Amino acid sequence: MSEKQQTDKLKFIAQKNFKKRDDMYEIVDFLNKSLKEYHLMFGLTNDADDKEKYMIRIYEV
């Protein structure tokens, strides 16, 4: 699904770039499962400008 299609259904709240950690995918999975009832979704991608960092985004569903 493209970012345009996602933003048609999701409300972007915030984003933050930070140094990579091996377990970050587990943390994002935990947040998504735990906060689903609050209509929040977290997305994790590699930072396009810095390969040593991740970018996390928060959306309201």
N, C-alpha and C. Protein backbone atom coordinates (compact mmCIF):
# COMPACT_ATOMS: atom_id res chain seq x y z
N MET A 1 0.86 -1.18 0.00
CA MET A 1 0.00 0.00 0.00
C MET A 1 0.90 1.23 0.00
N SER A 2 0.62 2.18 -0.86
CA SER A 2 1.44 3.38 -0.94
C SER A 2 1.14 4.32 0.22
N GLU A 3 2.05 5.26 0.45
CA GLU A 3 1.86 6.23 1.54
C GLU A 3 0.63 7.09 1.28
N LYS A 4 0.35 7.43 0.03
CA LYS A 4 -0.84 8.23 -0.31
C LYS A 4 -2.11 7.49 0.09
N GLN A 5 -2.18 6.19 -0.24
CA GLN A 5 -3.36 5.40 0.12
C GLN A 5 -3.51 5.32 1.64
N GLN A 6 -2.41 5.19 2.37
CA GLN A 6 -2.47 5.12 3.82
C GLN A 6 -2.98 6.42 4.41
N THR A 7 -2.51 7.55 3.92
CA THR A 7 -2.90 8.82 4.50
C THR A 7 -4.35 9.15 4.21
N ASP A 8 -4.96 8.52 3.19
CA ASP A 8 -6.39 8.72 2.93
C ASP A 8 -7.23 8.12 4.06
N LYS A 9 -6.72 7.11 4.75
CA LYS A 9 -7.45 6.43 5.80
C LYS A 9 -6.92 6.73 7.19
N LEU A 10 -5.70 7.24 7.27
CA LEU A 10 -5.03 7.46 8.55
C LEU A 10 -4.72 8.93 8.73
N LYS A 11 -4.75 9.38 9.98
CA LYS A 11 -4.38 10.76 10.29
C LYS A 11 -2.97 10.74 10.88
N PHE A 12 -2.04 11.37 10.19
CA PHE A 12 -0.66 11.45 10.65
C PHE A 12 -0.59 12.30 11.91
N ILE A 13 0.11 11.81 12.94
CA ILE A 13 0.25 12.55 14.20
C ILE A 13 1.67 13.06 14.39
N ALA A 14 2.66 12.17 14.26
CA ALA A 14 4.04 12.59 14.53
C ALA A 14 5.03 11.60 13.93
N GLN A 15 6.28 12.04 13.82
CA GLN A 15 7.36 11.15 13.41
C GLN A 15 8.63 11.53 14.13
N LYS A 16 9.52 10.55 14.27
CA LYS A 16 10.80 10.77 14.96
C LYS A 16 11.83 9.84 14.35
N ASN A 17 13.02 10.36 14.09
CA ASN A 17 14.13 9.54 13.61
C ASN A 17 15.05 9.25 14.79
N PHE A 18 15.62 8.03 14.80
CA PHE A 18 16.50 7.66 15.90
C PHE A 18 17.43 6.53 15.47
N LYS A 19 18.50 6.35 16.23
CA LYS A 19 19.49 5.33 15.95
C LYS A 19 18.85 3.94 15.98
N LYS A 20 19.27 3.07 15.06
CA LYS A 20 18.70 1.73 14.97
C LYS A 20 18.99 0.89 16.21
N ARG A 21 18.01 0.07 16.55
CA ARG A 21 18.12 -0.95 17.60
C ARG A 21 17.58 -2.24 17.01
N ASP A 22 18.17 -3.35 17.35
CA ASP A 22 17.76 -4.63 16.79
C ASP A 22 16.33 -5.02 17.16
N ASP A 23 15.88 -4.62 18.34
CA ASP A 23 14.56 -5.06 18.81
C ASP A 23 13.45 -4.05 18.54
N MET A 24 13.71 -3.04 17.75
CA MET A 24 12.71 -1.98 17.55
C MET A 24 11.44 -2.51 16.91
N TYR A 25 11.54 -3.49 16.01
CA TYR A 25 10.34 -4.05 15.39
C TYR A 25 9.44 -4.70 16.44
N GLU A 26 10.05 -5.32 17.45
CA GLU A 26 9.26 -5.92 18.52
C GLU A 26 8.55 -4.85 19.35
N ILE A 27 9.22 -3.75 19.58
CA ILE A 27 8.63 -2.64 20.35
C ILE A 27 7.45 -2.04 19.60
N VAL A 28 7.62 -1.81 18.28
CA VAL A 28 6.53 -1.26 17.47
C VAL A 28 5.36 -2.23 17.41
N ASP A 29 5.64 -3.51 17.29
CA ASP A 29 4.58 -4.53 17.29
C ASP A 29 3.82 -4.50 18.61
N PHE A 30 4.54 -4.41 19.73
CA PHE A 30 3.92 -4.31 21.04
C PHE A 30 3.02 -3.07 21.15
N LEU A 31 3.53 -1.92 20.70
CA LEU A 31 2.74 -0.69 20.75
C LEU A 31 1.47 -0.82 19.91
N ASN A 32 1.59 -1.37 18.70
CA ASN A 32 0.42 -1.52 17.84
C ASN A 32 -0.64 -2.42 18.47
N LYS A 33 -0.21 -3.52 19.06
CA LYS A 33 -1.17 -4.44 19.69
C LYS A 33 -1.78 -3.83 20.96
N SER A 34 -0.97 -3.13 21.72
CA SER A 34 -1.43 -2.59 23.00
C SER A 34 -2.32 -1.36 22.86
N LEU A 35 -2.09 -0.56 21.83
CA LEU A 35 -2.81 0.72 21.70
C LEU A 35 -3.85 0.71 20.59
N LYS A 36 -4.12 -0.47 20.04
CA LYS A 36 -5.12 -0.60 18.97
C LYS A 36 -6.48 -0.06 19.40
N GLU A 37 -6.89 -0.34 20.62
CA GLU A 37 -8.20 0.11 21.11
C GLU A 37 -8.28 1.64 21.23
N TYR A 38 -7.12 2.31 21.21
CA TYR A 38 -7.10 3.78 21.25
C TYR A 38 -6.98 4.38 19.85
N HIS A 39 -7.12 3.52 18.84
CA HIS A 39 -7.10 3.91 17.43
C HIS A 39 -5.77 4.55 17.02
N LEU A 40 -4.67 3.97 17.53
CA LEU A 40 -3.34 4.42 17.17
C LEU A 40 -2.60 3.32 16.43
N MET A 41 -1.76 3.71 15.48
CA MET A 41 -0.96 2.77 14.72
C MET A 41 0.44 3.36 14.57
N PHE A 42 1.44 2.52 14.71
CA PHE A 42 2.83 2.92 14.61
C PHE A 42 3.45 2.26 13.39
N GLY A 43 4.22 3.04 12.64
CA GLY A 43 4.92 2.50 11.49
C GLY A 43 6.41 2.73 11.64
N LEU A 44 7.20 1.76 11.19
CA LEU A 44 8.65 1.84 11.32
C LEU A 44 9.28 1.62 9.96
N THR A 45 10.15 2.53 9.55
CA THR A 45 10.86 2.40 8.27
C THR A 45 12.31 2.81 8.47
N ASN A 46 13.14 2.41 7.53
CA ASN A 46 14.51 2.89 7.51
C ASN A 46 14.51 4.35 7.10
N ASP A 47 15.34 5.14 7.72
CA ASP A 47 15.46 6.55 7.37
C ASP A 47 16.08 6.65 5.97
N ALA A 48 15.45 7.38 5.08
CA ALA A 48 15.93 7.51 3.71
C ALA A 48 17.26 8.27 3.62
N ASP A 49 17.51 9.16 4.57
CA ASP A 49 18.72 9.99 4.54
C ASP A 49 19.89 9.41 5.32
N ASP A 50 19.62 8.54 6.27
CA ASP A 50 20.67 8.01 7.15
C ASP A 50 20.41 6.53 7.39
N LYS A 51 21.24 5.67 6.81
CA LYS A 51 21.04 4.23 6.90
C LYS A 51 21.26 3.67 8.31
N GLU A 52 21.78 4.49 9.19
CA GLU A 52 22.01 4.07 10.57
C GLU A 52 20.82 4.40 11.48
N LYS A 53 19.75 4.92 10.89
CA LYS A 53 18.59 5.34 11.69
C LYS A 53 17.29 4.76 11.17
N TYR A 54 16.32 4.67 12.08
CA TYR A 54 14.94 4.33 11.75
C TYR A 54 14.09 5.60 11.83
N MET A 55 12.93 5.55 11.21
CA MET A 55 11.95 6.60 11.35
C MET A 55 10.66 5.92 11.83
N ILE A 56 10.13 6.40 12.94
CA ILE A 56 8.86 5.89 13.46
C ILE A 56 7.80 6.95 13.21
N ARG A 57 6.64 6.51 12.78
CA ARG A 57 5.51 7.42 12.56
C ARG A 57 4.32 6.92 13.38
N ILE A 58 3.54 7.88 13.85
CA ILE A 58 2.34 7.56 14.62
C ILE A 58 1.13 8.09 13.85
N TYR A 59 0.12 7.24 13.72
CA TYR A 59 -1.11 7.60 13.01
C TYR A 59 -2.31 7.34 13.91
N GLU A 60 -3.36 8.11 13.68
CA GLU A 60 -4.67 7.83 14.28
C GLU A 60 -5.47 7.12 13.21
N VAL A 61 -6.06 5.99 13.56
CA VAL A 61 -6.82 5.19 12.61
C VAL A 61 -8.26 5.62 12.62
